[in-house]
Amino acid sequence: MQGGSIPFLCVLVVHMIAAVFWTGGSLLIARGGPPAVKGLAVAQAGAATVTIILGAVLWHAAHGDRVGRPEQILSVAAVVSIIAAVIQQACQPTFVLTEPSVRPEGLPSGC
């Protein structure tokens, strides 16, 4: 798979879509609180995994075994991404789903 080929571009697009979803979901979680987090925990883990794995595939396809300044910067970004994924999954709150009859007054039915 070489830069500019159709498979390379397909992998690049999927990597970018997963990364944008991961970033957007992280922002939603940060701003939205627990109700927003409840449905995104698994999707966030999947997007992070896809982003990191396809990033490694793209690195190998585009950079190979070279070790220069761009590869050093990418390696820092890769390590930070892995750390972010681990921290994000470790900090996911757990939710206890209650029966609608014991739901506190005033909460919407989706909570």
C-alpha atoms as a PDB file:
ATOM      1  CA  MET A   1       0.000   0.000   0.000  1.00  0.00           C
ATOM      2  CA  GLN A   2       1.642   3.214  -1.173  1.00  0.00           C
ATOM      3  CA  GLY A   3       0.713   6.823  -0.506  1.00  0.00           C
ATOM      4  CA  GLY A   4      -1.820   7.942  -3.101  1.00  0.00           C
ATOM      5  CA  SER A   5      -3.137   4.464  -3.885  1.00  0.00           C
ATOM      6  CA  ILE A   6      -6.834   3.701  -3.440  1.00  0.00           C
ATOM      7  CA  PRO A   7      -6.356   1.325  -0.444  1.00  0.00           C
ATOM      8  CA  PHE A   8      -4.080   3.870   1.255  1.00  0.00           C
ATOM      9  CA  LEU A   9      -6.629   6.642   0.757  1.00  0.00           C
ATOM     10  CA  CYS A  10      -9.470   4.433   2.041  1.00  0.00           C
ATOM     11  CA  VAL A  11      -7.513   3.603   5.196  1.00  0.00           C
ATOM     12  CA  LEU A  12      -6.654   7.294   5.612  1.00  0.00           C
ATOM     13  CA  VAL A  13     -10.310   8.337   5.320  1.00  0.00           C
ATOM     14  CA  VAL A  14     -11.496   5.734   7.843  1.00  0.00           C
ATOM     15  CA  HIS A  15      -8.659   6.767  10.204  1.00  0.00           C
ATOM     16  CA  MET A  16      -9.702  10.412   9.926  1.00  0.00           C
ATOM     17  CA  ILE A  17     -13.408   9.688  10.423  1.00  0.00           C
ATOM     18  CA  ALA A  18     -12.697   7.579  13.513  1.00  0.00           C
ATOM     19  CA  ALA A  19     -10.377  10.259  14.901  1.00  0.00           C
ATOM     20  CA  VAL A  20     -12.951  13.022  14.354  1.00  0.00           C
ATOM     21  CA  PHE A  21     -15.651  10.903  16.020  1.00  0.00           C
ATOM     22  CA  TRP A  22     -13.340  10.131  18.937  1.00  0.00           C
ATOM     23  CA  THR A  23     -12.518  13.833  19.356  1.00  0.00           C
ATOM     24  CA  GLY A  24     -16.126  14.969  19.018  1.00  0.00           C
ATOM     25  CA  GLY A  25     -17.349  12.305  21.411  1.00  0.00           C
ATOM     26  CA  SER A  26     -14.705  13.314  23.922  1.00  0.00           C
ATOM     27  CA  LEU A  27     -15.851  16.922  23.726  1.00  0.00           C
ATOM     28  CA  LEU A  28     -19.473  15.845  24.158  1.00  0.00           C
ATOM     29  CA  ILE A  29     -18.564  13.767  27.180  1.00  0.00           C
ATOM     30  CA  ALA A  30     -16.599  16.651  28.679  1.00  0.00           C
ATOM     31  CA  ARG A  31     -19.457  19.132  28.174  1.00  0.00           C
ATOM     32  CA  GLY A  32     -22.495  16.897  28.492  1.00  0.00           C
ATOM     33  CA  GLY A  33     -21.923  14.961  31.674  1.00  0.00           C
ATOM     34  CA  PRO A  34     -23.169  11.489  32.595  1.00  0.00           C
ATOM     35  CA  PRO A  35     -26.335  11.313  30.435  1.00  0.00           C
ATOM     36  CA  ALA A  36     -24.251  11.928  27.312  1.00  0.00           C
ATOM     37  CA  VAL A  37     -21.561   9.454  28.398  1.00  0.00           C
ATOM     38  CA  LYS A  38     -23.919   6.546  28.923  1.00  0.00           C
ATOM     39  CA  GLY A  39     -24.322   5.762  25.232  1.00  0.00           C
ATOM     40  CA  LEU A  40     -20.821   6.650  24.086  1.00  0.00           C
ATOM     41  CA  ALA A  41     -18.481   4.514  26.208  1.00  0.00           C
ATOM     42  CA  VAL A  42     -18.323   1.553  23.831  1.00  0.00           C
ATOM     43  CA  ALA A  43     -18.330   3.738  20.708  1.00  0.00           C
ATOM     44  CA  GLN A  44     -15.479   5.835  22.125  1.00  0.00           C
ATOM     45  CA  ALA A  45     -13.426   2.726  22.841  1.00  0.00           C
ATOM     46  CA  GLY A  46     -14.062   1.470  19.310  1.00  0.00           C
ATOM     47  CA  ALA A  47     -13.183   4.800  17.702  1.00  0.00           C
ATOM     48  CA  ALA A  48      -9.995   5.054  19.752  1.00  0.00           C
ATOM     49  CA  THR A  49      -8.983   1.515  18.816  1.00  0.00           C
ATOM     50  CA  VAL A  50      -9.683   2.043  15.107  1.00  0.00           C
ATOM     51  CA  THR A  51      -7.832   5.371  15.134  1.00  0.00           C
ATOM     52  CA  ILE A  52      -4.736   3.933  16.797  1.00  0.00           C
ATOM     53  CA  ILE A  53      -4.592   0.726  14.727  1.00  0.00           C
ATOM     54  CA  LEU A  54      -5.142   2.483  11.404  1.00  0.00           C
ATOM     55  CA  GLY A  55      -2.622   5.135  12.438  1.00  0.00           C
ATOM     56  CA  ALA A  56      -0.051   2.365  12.832  1.00  0.00           C
ATOM     57  CA  VAL A  57      -1.007   0.928   9.426  1.00  0.00           C
ATOM     58  CA  LEU A  58      -0.670   4.364   7.816  1.00  0.00           C
ATOM     59  CA  TRP A  59       2.668   4.944   9.548  1.00  0.00           C
ATOM     60  CA  HIS A  60       4.043   1.688   8.176  1.00  0.00           C
ATOM     61  CA  ALA A  61       2.680   2.395   4.690  1.00  0.00           C
ATOM     62  CA  ALA A  62       3.853   5.997   4.477  1.00  0.00           C
ATOM     63  CA  HIS A  63       7.028   6.040   6.561  1.00  0.00           C
ATOM     64  CA  GLY A  64       8.301   2.467   6.726  1.00  0.00           C
ATOM     65  CA  ASP A  65      11.482   2.172   8.764  1.00  0.00           C
ATOM     66  CA  ARG A  66      12.615   5.779   8.445  1.00  0.00           C
ATOM     67  CA  VAL A  67      13.340   7.671  11.648  1.00  0.00           C
ATOM     68  CA  GLY A  68      13.504  11.402  11.078  1.00  0.00           C
ATOM     69  CA  ARG A  69      11.952  14.491  12.584  1.00  0.00           C
ATOM     70  CA  PRO A  70       8.437  13.779  11.201  1.00  0.00           C
ATOM     71  CA  GLU A  71       8.502  10.245  12.589  1.00  0.00           C
ATOM     72  CA  GLN A  72       9.619  11.524  16.000  1.00  0.00           C
ATOM     73  CA  ILE A  73       6.693  13.944  16.088  1.00  0.00           C
ATOM     74  CA  LEU A  74       4.291  11.201  14.982  1.00  0.00           C
ATOM     75  CA  SER A  75       5.638   8.861  17.653  1.00  0.00           C
ATOM     76  CA  VAL A  76       4.898  11.459  20.351  1.00  0.00           C
ATOM     77  CA  ALA A  77       1.376  11.875  18.939  1.00  0.00           C
ATOM     78  CA  ALA A  78       0.879   8.098  18.903  1.00  0.00           C
ATOM     79  CA  VAL A  79       2.001   7.723  22.525  1.00  0.00           C
ATOM     80  CA  VAL A  80      -0.236  10.609  23.624  1.00  0.00           C
ATOM     81  CA  SER A  81      -3.186   9.033  21.765  1.00  0.00           C
ATOM     82  CA  ILE A  82      -2.658   5.700  23.487  1.00  0.00           C
ATOM     83  CA  ILE A  83      -2.396   7.394  26.892  1.00  0.00           C
ATOM     84  CA  ALA A  84      -5.573   9.403  26.159  1.00  0.00           C
ATOM     85  CA  ALA A  85      -7.478   6.253  25.193  1.00  0.00           C
ATOM     86  CA  VAL A  86      -6.389   4.440  28.359  1.00  0.00           C
ATOM     87  CA  ILE A  87      -7.268   7.394  30.609  1.00  0.00           C
ATOM     88  CA  GLN A  88     -10.600   7.917  28.881  1.00  0.00           C
ATOM     89  CA  GLN A  89     -11.639   4.301  29.347  1.00  0.00           C
ATOM     90  CA  ALA A  90     -10.363   4.182  32.934  1.00  0.00           C
ATOM     91  CA  CYS A  91     -12.394   7.279  33.831  1.00  0.00           C
ATOM     92  CA  GLN A  92     -15.704   6.139  32.329  1.00  0.00           C
ATOM     93  CA  PRO A  93     -18.304   6.295  35.088  1.00  0.00           C
ATOM     94  CA  THR A  94     -20.508   3.324  35.762  1.00  0.00           C
ATOM     95  CA  PHE A  95     -24.242   3.768  35.597  1.00  0.00           C
ATOM     96  CA  VAL A  96     -26.944   2.035  37.553  1.00  0.00           C
ATOM     97  CA  LEU A  97     -30.130   1.738  35.570  1.00  0.00           C
ATOM     98  CA  THR A  98     -33.227   1.957  37.718  1.00  0.00           C
ATOM     99  CA  GLU A  99     -36.803   0.995  37.040  1.00  0.00           C
ATOM    100  CA  PRO A 100     -38.959   3.882  35.792  1.00  0.00           C
ATOM    101  CA  SER A 101     -41.088   3.577  38.936  1.00  0.00           C
ATOM    102  CA  VAL A 102     -38.114   4.443  41.199  1.00  0.00           C
ATOM    103  CA  ARG A 103     -36.768   7.192  38.962  1.00  0.00           C
ATOM    104  CA  PRO A 104     -36.458  10.476  40.861  1.00  0.00           C
ATOM    105  CA  GLU A 105     -39.097  13.100  40.088  1.00  0.00           C
ATOM    106  CA  GLY A 106     -38.265  15.471  37.260  1.00  0.00           C
ATOM    107  CA  LEU A 107     -35.772  13.297  35.376  1.00  0.00           C
ATOM    108  CA  PRO A 108     -36.557  12.686  31.717  1.00  0.00           C
ATOM    109  CA  SER A 109     -37.333   9.116  30.726  1.00  0.00           C
ATOM    110  CA  GLY A 110     -34.014   8.794  28.832  1.00  0.00           C
ATOM    111  CA  CYS A 111     -31.916   9.142  32.018  1.00  0.00           C
END
